[in-house]
Protein backbone atom coordinates (compact mmCIF):
# COMPACT_ATOMS: atom_id res chain seq x y z
CA UNK A 1 152.49 122.24 39.85
CA UNK A 2 151.13 124.41 37.04
CA UNK A 3 148.01 126.29 38.15
CA UNK A 4 147.58 128.40 35.02
CA UNK A 5 149.50 128.84 31.79
CA UNK A 6 149.52 131.07 28.74
CA UNK A 7 151.69 130.49 25.68
CA UNK A 8 152.26 133.26 23.17
CA UNK A 9 154.46 134.34 20.28
CA UNK A 10 156.06 137.76 19.94
CA UNK A 11 158.35 139.50 17.50
CA UNK A 12 161.90 140.04 18.68
CA UNK A 13 162.55 143.48 20.16
CA UNK A 14 164.88 144.36 17.25
CA UNK A 15 162.36 143.30 14.58
CA UNK A 16 161.05 146.16 12.36
CA UNK A 17 157.43 145.00 12.70
CA UNK A 18 155.89 144.42 16.13
CA UNK A 19 153.53 141.47 16.31
CA UNK A 20 151.82 139.23 18.89
CA UNK A 21 149.99 135.91 18.60
CA UNK A 22 148.53 133.55 21.20
CA UNK A 23 149.16 129.84 21.65
CA UNK A 24 147.80 127.19 24.00
CA UNK A 25 146.27 128.49 27.22
CA UNK A 26 145.13 126.96 30.50
CA UNK A 27 143.27 129.77 32.28
CA UNK A 28 140.80 128.43 34.86
CA UNK A 29 138.52 131.20 36.12
CA UNK A 30 136.25 129.41 38.59
CA UNK A 31 135.74 129.71 41.43
CA UNK A 32 136.34 133.44 41.02
CA UNK A 33 138.75 135.08 40.69
CA UNK A 34 140.42 131.90 39.43
CA UNK A 35 144.03 131.00 38.73
CA UNK A 36 143.78 132.21 35.13
CA UNK A 37 142.69 135.68 36.22
CA UNK A 38 145.53 135.88 38.71
CA UNK A 39 148.09 134.92 36.05
CA UNK A 40 146.87 137.46 33.48
CA UNK A 41 146.50 140.24 36.03
CA UNK A 42 149.89 139.42 37.49
CA UNK A 43 151.53 139.90 34.10
CA UNK A 44 149.88 143.31 33.68
CA UNK A 45 150.82 144.33 37.23
CA UNK A 46 154.48 143.55 36.59
CA UNK A 47 154.81 145.43 33.30
CA UNK A 48 152.14 148.14 32.95
CA UNK A 49 154.15 150.54 35.10
CA UNK A 50 156.88 150.55 32.44
CA UNK A 51 154.50 151.90 29.78
CA UNK A 52 154.18 155.60 29.00
CA UNK A 53 150.94 157.40 29.83
CA UNK A 54 149.47 157.15 26.33
CA UNK A 55 150.18 153.42 26.18
CA UNK A 56 148.54 152.87 29.57
CA UNK A 57 145.42 154.70 28.41
CA UNK A 58 145.30 152.60 25.22
CA UNK A 59 145.79 149.41 27.27
CA UNK A 60 142.81 150.27 29.49
CA UNK A 61 140.71 151.03 26.38
CA UNK A 62 141.69 147.64 24.96
CA UNK A 63 140.51 145.96 28.18
CA UNK A 64 137.09 147.53 27.69
CA UNK A 65 136.83 146.28 24.11
CA UNK A 66 137.85 142.76 25.17
CA UNK A 67 135.33 142.85 28.01
CA UNK A 68 132.49 143.87 25.70
CA UNK A 69 133.48 141.37 22.99
CA UNK A 70 134.02 144.10 20.42
CA UNK A 71 136.15 143.98 17.30
CA UNK A 72 139.60 145.35 18.17
CA UNK A 73 141.15 147.71 15.59
CA UNK A 74 144.84 147.13 14.93
CA UNK A 75 147.54 147.98 15.80
CA UNK A 76 147.40 148.57 19.56
CA UNK A 77 150.36 150.03 21.44
CA UNK A 78 152.11 149.91 18.06
CA UNK A 79 151.77 146.10 17.96
CA UNK A 80 149.65 144.04 15.58
CA UNK A 81 147.72 141.08 16.99
CA UNK A 82 147.49 138.12 14.59
CA UNK A 83 146.70 134.41 14.43
CA UNK A 84 149.76 133.32 12.45
CA UNK A 85 152.94 132.95 14.53
CA UNK A 86 155.45 132.16 11.79
CA UNK A 87 158.68 134.01 12.46
CA UNK A 88 157.74 134.88 16.03
CA UNK A 89 159.53 133.60 19.11
CA UNK A 90 157.57 131.60 21.72
CA UNK A 91 157.10 132.85 25.25
CA UNK A 92 155.48 131.12 28.21
CA UNK A 93 153.76 132.51 31.29
CA UNK A 94 152.94 130.29 34.24
CA UNK A 95 151.40 130.47 37.68
CA UNK A 96 153.10 127.76 39.73
CA UNK A 97 152.55 126.15 43.12
CA UNK A 98 155.39 125.04 45.38
CA UNK A 99 153.58 123.43 48.29
CA UNK A 100 151.11 126.11 49.40
CA UNK A 101 153.22 128.92 47.91
CA UNK A 102 152.13 130.49 44.62
CA UNK A 103 154.61 132.22 42.31
CA UNK A 104 154.79 133.63 38.80
CA UNK A 105 157.19 132.28 36.17
CA UNK A 106 157.62 134.69 33.26
CA UNK A 107 160.24 134.57 30.53
CA UNK A 108 160.94 138.23 31.08
CA UNK A 109 163.80 138.75 28.66
CA UNK A 110 161.92 137.50 25.59
CA UNK A 111 159.53 140.44 25.28
CA UNK A 112 159.13 144.14 25.94
CA UNK A 113 156.81 145.46 28.69
CA UNK A 114 154.24 146.39 26.01
CA UNK A 115 154.32 142.87 24.57
CA UNK A 116 153.91 141.29 28.01
CA UNK A 117 150.95 143.52 28.91
CA UNK A 118 149.24 143.12 25.53
CA UNK A 119 149.63 139.34 25.63
CA UNK A 120 147.84 139.20 28.99
CA UNK A 121 144.95 141.42 27.87
CA UNK A 122 144.49 139.52 24.60
CA UNK A 123 144.65 136.32 26.66
CA UNK A 124 141.55 137.48 28.51
CA UNK A 125 139.80 137.55 25.15
CA UNK A 126 140.14 133.76 24.87
CA UNK A 127 137.91 133.30 27.92
CA UNK A 128 134.17 132.81 27.48
CA UNK A 129 131.86 135.79 27.84
CA UNK A 130 130.44 134.33 31.03
CA UNK A 131 133.77 134.88 32.83
CA UNK A 132 135.60 137.53 30.85
CA UNK A 133 134.13 140.49 32.76
CA UNK A 134 135.36 139.17 36.06
CA UNK A 135 138.78 138.49 34.55
CA UNK A 136 139.08 142.00 33.09
CA UNK A 137 138.02 143.46 36.43
CA UNK A 138 140.98 141.76 38.10
CA UNK A 139 143.32 142.90 35.31
CA UNK A 140 142.18 146.51 35.77
CA UNK A 141 142.92 146.23 39.47
CA UNK A 142 146.43 145.11 38.59
CA UNK A 143 147.14 148.49 36.98
CA UNK A 144 147.26 150.08 40.45
CA UNK A 145 149.49 147.50 42.15
CA UNK A 146 152.00 149.47 44.28
CA UNK A 147 154.72 146.82 44.01
CA UNK A 148 156.01 143.99 46.17
CA UNK A 149 156.55 140.24 46.16
CA UNK A 150 154.51 137.64 44.29
CA UNK A 151 152.65 136.93 47.52
CA UNK A 152 151.88 140.63 47.94
CA UNK A 153 150.63 140.76 44.35
CA UNK A 154 148.35 137.77 44.78
CA UNK A 155 146.91 139.22 47.96
CA UNK A 156 146.34 142.53 46.18
CA UNK A 157 144.59 140.92 43.21
CA UNK A 158 142.38 138.51 45.11
CA UNK A 159 141.76 140.37 48.35
CA UNK A 160 142.66 137.21 50.29
CA UNK A 161 145.35 137.79 52.89
CA UNK A 162 146.29 134.09 52.98
CA UNK A 163 147.55 134.06 49.38
CA UNK A 164 148.24 130.31 49.29
CA UNK A 165 147.13 127.61 46.86
CA UNK A 166 144.38 126.27 49.11
CA UNK A 167 142.72 129.66 49.46
CA UNK A 168 143.04 130.49 45.76
CA UNK A 169 141.76 127.12 44.54
CA UNK A 170 138.46 127.52 46.38
CA UNK A 171 138.35 130.35 48.92
CA UNK A 172 134.93 129.38 50.28
CA UNK A 173 135.90 125.79 51.01
CA UNK A 174 139.24 126.92 52.43
CA UNK A 175 137.43 129.29 54.78
CA UNK A 176 135.03 126.59 55.89
CA UNK A 177 137.92 124.24 56.64
CA UNK A 178 139.77 126.92 58.61
CA UNK A 179 136.67 127.55 60.74
CA UNK A 180 135.93 123.80 60.91
CA UNK A 181 132.41 124.33 59.55
CA UNK A 182 130.74 121.05 58.61
CA UNK A 183 127.03 121.42 58.12
CA UNK A 184 124.20 119.38 56.61
CA UNK A 185 121.02 120.87 55.22
CA UNK A 186 118.61 120.37 52.37
CA UNK A 187 120.20 123.29 50.45
CA UNK A 188 123.21 121.75 48.64
CA UNK A 189 126.41 123.49 47.66
CA UNK A 190 125.38 123.03 44.04
CA UNK A 191 123.18 126.10 44.56
CA UNK A 192 126.19 128.20 45.53
CA UNK A 193 127.87 129.70 42.43
CA UNK A 194 131.35 129.64 43.95
CA UNK A 195 131.24 126.07 45.23
CA UNK A 196 128.81 124.12 43.08
CA UNK A 197 131.22 122.79 40.45
CA UNK A 198 133.77 121.32 42.84
CA UNK A 199 130.98 120.01 45.04
CA UNK A 200 129.29 118.18 42.19
CA UNK A 201 132.60 116.62 41.18
CA UNK A 202 133.15 115.32 44.69
CA UNK A 203 129.57 114.07 44.93
CA UNK A 204 130.03 112.13 41.68
CA UNK A 205 133.31 110.69 42.96
CA UNK A 206 131.74 109.44 46.17
CA UNK A 207 128.63 108.20 44.39
CA UNK A 208 130.90 105.96 42.31
CA UNK A 209 132.04 104.42 45.60
CA UNK A 210 128.46 103.67 46.66
CA UNK A 211 128.36 106.52 49.16
CA UNK A 212 125.70 109.16 49.70
CA UNK A 213 125.04 111.79 52.39
CA UNK A 214 123.07 110.31 55.28
CA UNK A 215 121.70 113.63 56.53
CA UNK A 216 122.08 112.81 60.22
CA UNK A 217 123.37 115.29 62.81
CA UNK A 218 126.80 113.71 63.04
CA UNK A 219 127.64 114.42 59.40
CA UNK A 220 128.32 110.92 58.16
CA UNK A 221 128.53 109.27 54.78
CA UNK A 222 126.76 105.90 54.69
CA UNK A 223 126.87 102.96 52.34
CA UNK A 224 123.84 102.91 50.06
CA UNK A 225 124.28 99.47 48.58
CA UNK A 226 126.24 96.25 48.93
CA UNK A 227 126.58 93.72 51.72
CA UNK A 228 127.85 96.26 54.26
CA UNK A 229 125.17 98.88 53.64
CA UNK A 230 123.88 100.30 56.89
CA UNK A 231 122.75 103.56 58.47
CA UNK A 232 123.37 102.46 62.02
CA UNK A 233 125.72 104.64 64.07
CA UNK A 234 126.79 101.55 65.99
CA UNK A 235 128.68 100.27 62.93
CA UNK A 236 131.47 102.82 62.30
CA UNK A 237 133.00 100.70 59.53
CA UNK A 238 129.97 101.53 57.36
CA UNK A 239 130.25 105.28 57.77
CA UNK A 240 132.76 107.91 56.83
CA UNK A 241 133.20 111.49 57.98
CA UNK A 242 131.83 114.01 55.52
CA UNK A 243 134.74 115.17 53.32
CA UNK A 244 135.61 118.85 53.25
CA UNK A 245 133.53 120.52 50.55
CA UNK A 246 130.45 118.30 50.87
CA UNK A 247 128.65 120.81 53.04
CA UNK A 248 125.99 123.45 52.75
CA UNK A 249 126.77 127.12 52.88
CA UNK A 250 126.65 128.41 56.50
CA UNK A 251 124.48 131.19 57.84
CA UNK A 252 125.94 134.41 59.18
CA UNK A 253 125.35 133.42 62.79
CA UNK A 254 127.01 130.02 62.22
CA UNK A 255 130.07 131.72 60.78
CA UNK A 256 130.33 134.04 63.77
CA UNK A 257 129.94 131.19 66.26
CA UNK A 258 132.56 129.10 64.47
CA UNK A 259 134.97 132.04 64.40
CA UNK A 260 134.60 132.69 68.13
CA UNK A 261 135.03 129.00 68.91
CA UNK A 262 138.20 128.67 66.84
CA UNK A 263 139.52 131.97 68.19
CA UNK A 264 139.27 130.64 71.73
CA UNK A 265 141.19 127.52 70.71
CA UNK A 266 143.90 129.58 68.97
CA UNK A 267 144.43 132.48 71.37
CA UNK A 268 147.37 132.30 73.82
CA UNK A 269 145.18 133.79 76.55
CA UNK A 270 143.17 130.55 76.41
CA UNK A 271 146.18 128.24 76.55
CA UNK A 272 147.19 128.01 72.89
CA UNK A 273 150.84 128.17 71.81
CA UNK A 274 152.13 131.70 71.27
CA UNK A 275 154.30 130.62 68.35
CA UNK A 276 152.25 130.95 65.19
CA UNK A 277 149.22 132.32 67.04
CA UNK A 278 149.19 135.62 65.16
CA UNK A 279 149.18 133.87 61.77
CA UNK A 280 146.48 131.47 62.88
CA UNK A 281 144.26 134.27 64.17
CA UNK A 282 144.80 136.23 60.93
CA UNK A 283 143.67 133.18 58.93
CA UNK A 284 140.56 132.84 61.10
CA UNK A 285 139.69 136.48 60.51
CA UNK A 286 140.24 136.09 56.76
CA UNK A 287 138.08 132.96 56.65
CA UNK A 288 135.29 134.76 58.46
CA UNK A 289 135.50 137.71 56.06
CA UNK A 290 135.30 135.45 52.99
CA UNK A 291 132.22 133.64 54.25
CA UNK A 292 130.45 136.78 55.44
CA UNK A 293 131.11 138.44 52.08
CA UNK A 294 129.34 135.59 50.28
């Protein structure tokens, strides 16, 4: 599955003039840091180390100009950025998901390290001003990546030790699922900047099915219209468990209680299986950190 994609056009390494142009891009940036940010920063992390010191300094300066929305003088790193791509060869960058594993797919041989890095930074310039600062921040972080696997890189860029698709797609909802936090309150997720968009989409989807949150303590969805509409708990056919994501944001004390509860269930000292316990406990700790940081 394609999580993010950037298409570009570059001059061949043997060409006398060095040029770059951008093509179609799919660079989602919400919830932050977003798959698009990870893709662009991943490209820079993989190739910036191959640049000389002067080129690295110029690349960082270019990031600042892109971030501020300034006009960018040409050329940069001895390459000219242009709209026209006649005579240039296409190149594609993708962030892919295989199950819950995320990996980069880059057509490495088609471009030089400078072309790869410049393409990613100029790609950030296609993102709206509301998100570009956060994207550039992640790209800057990529400049100091010490090296490692794709999973190591994603963990480094995002700060999430899990590094899988579920955590990257929506870290807050992933964390709430890991800690089994399902809460109902008058403050909706729409008010939370990291969760609101996906929450509203799910609300609309369930509203189309004639469902709405009932607000009772057992976290049920109840039919709001039609012959089977009912709010009675004695009729389970008319209620559905609240889907993951249709929850309010938890308080600090609720996060801590949920973490301790799940830790007891997962720790071998309390009867849980030893196989996989370390990974499970690490995920619980990561989920707690994400929620407490927000």
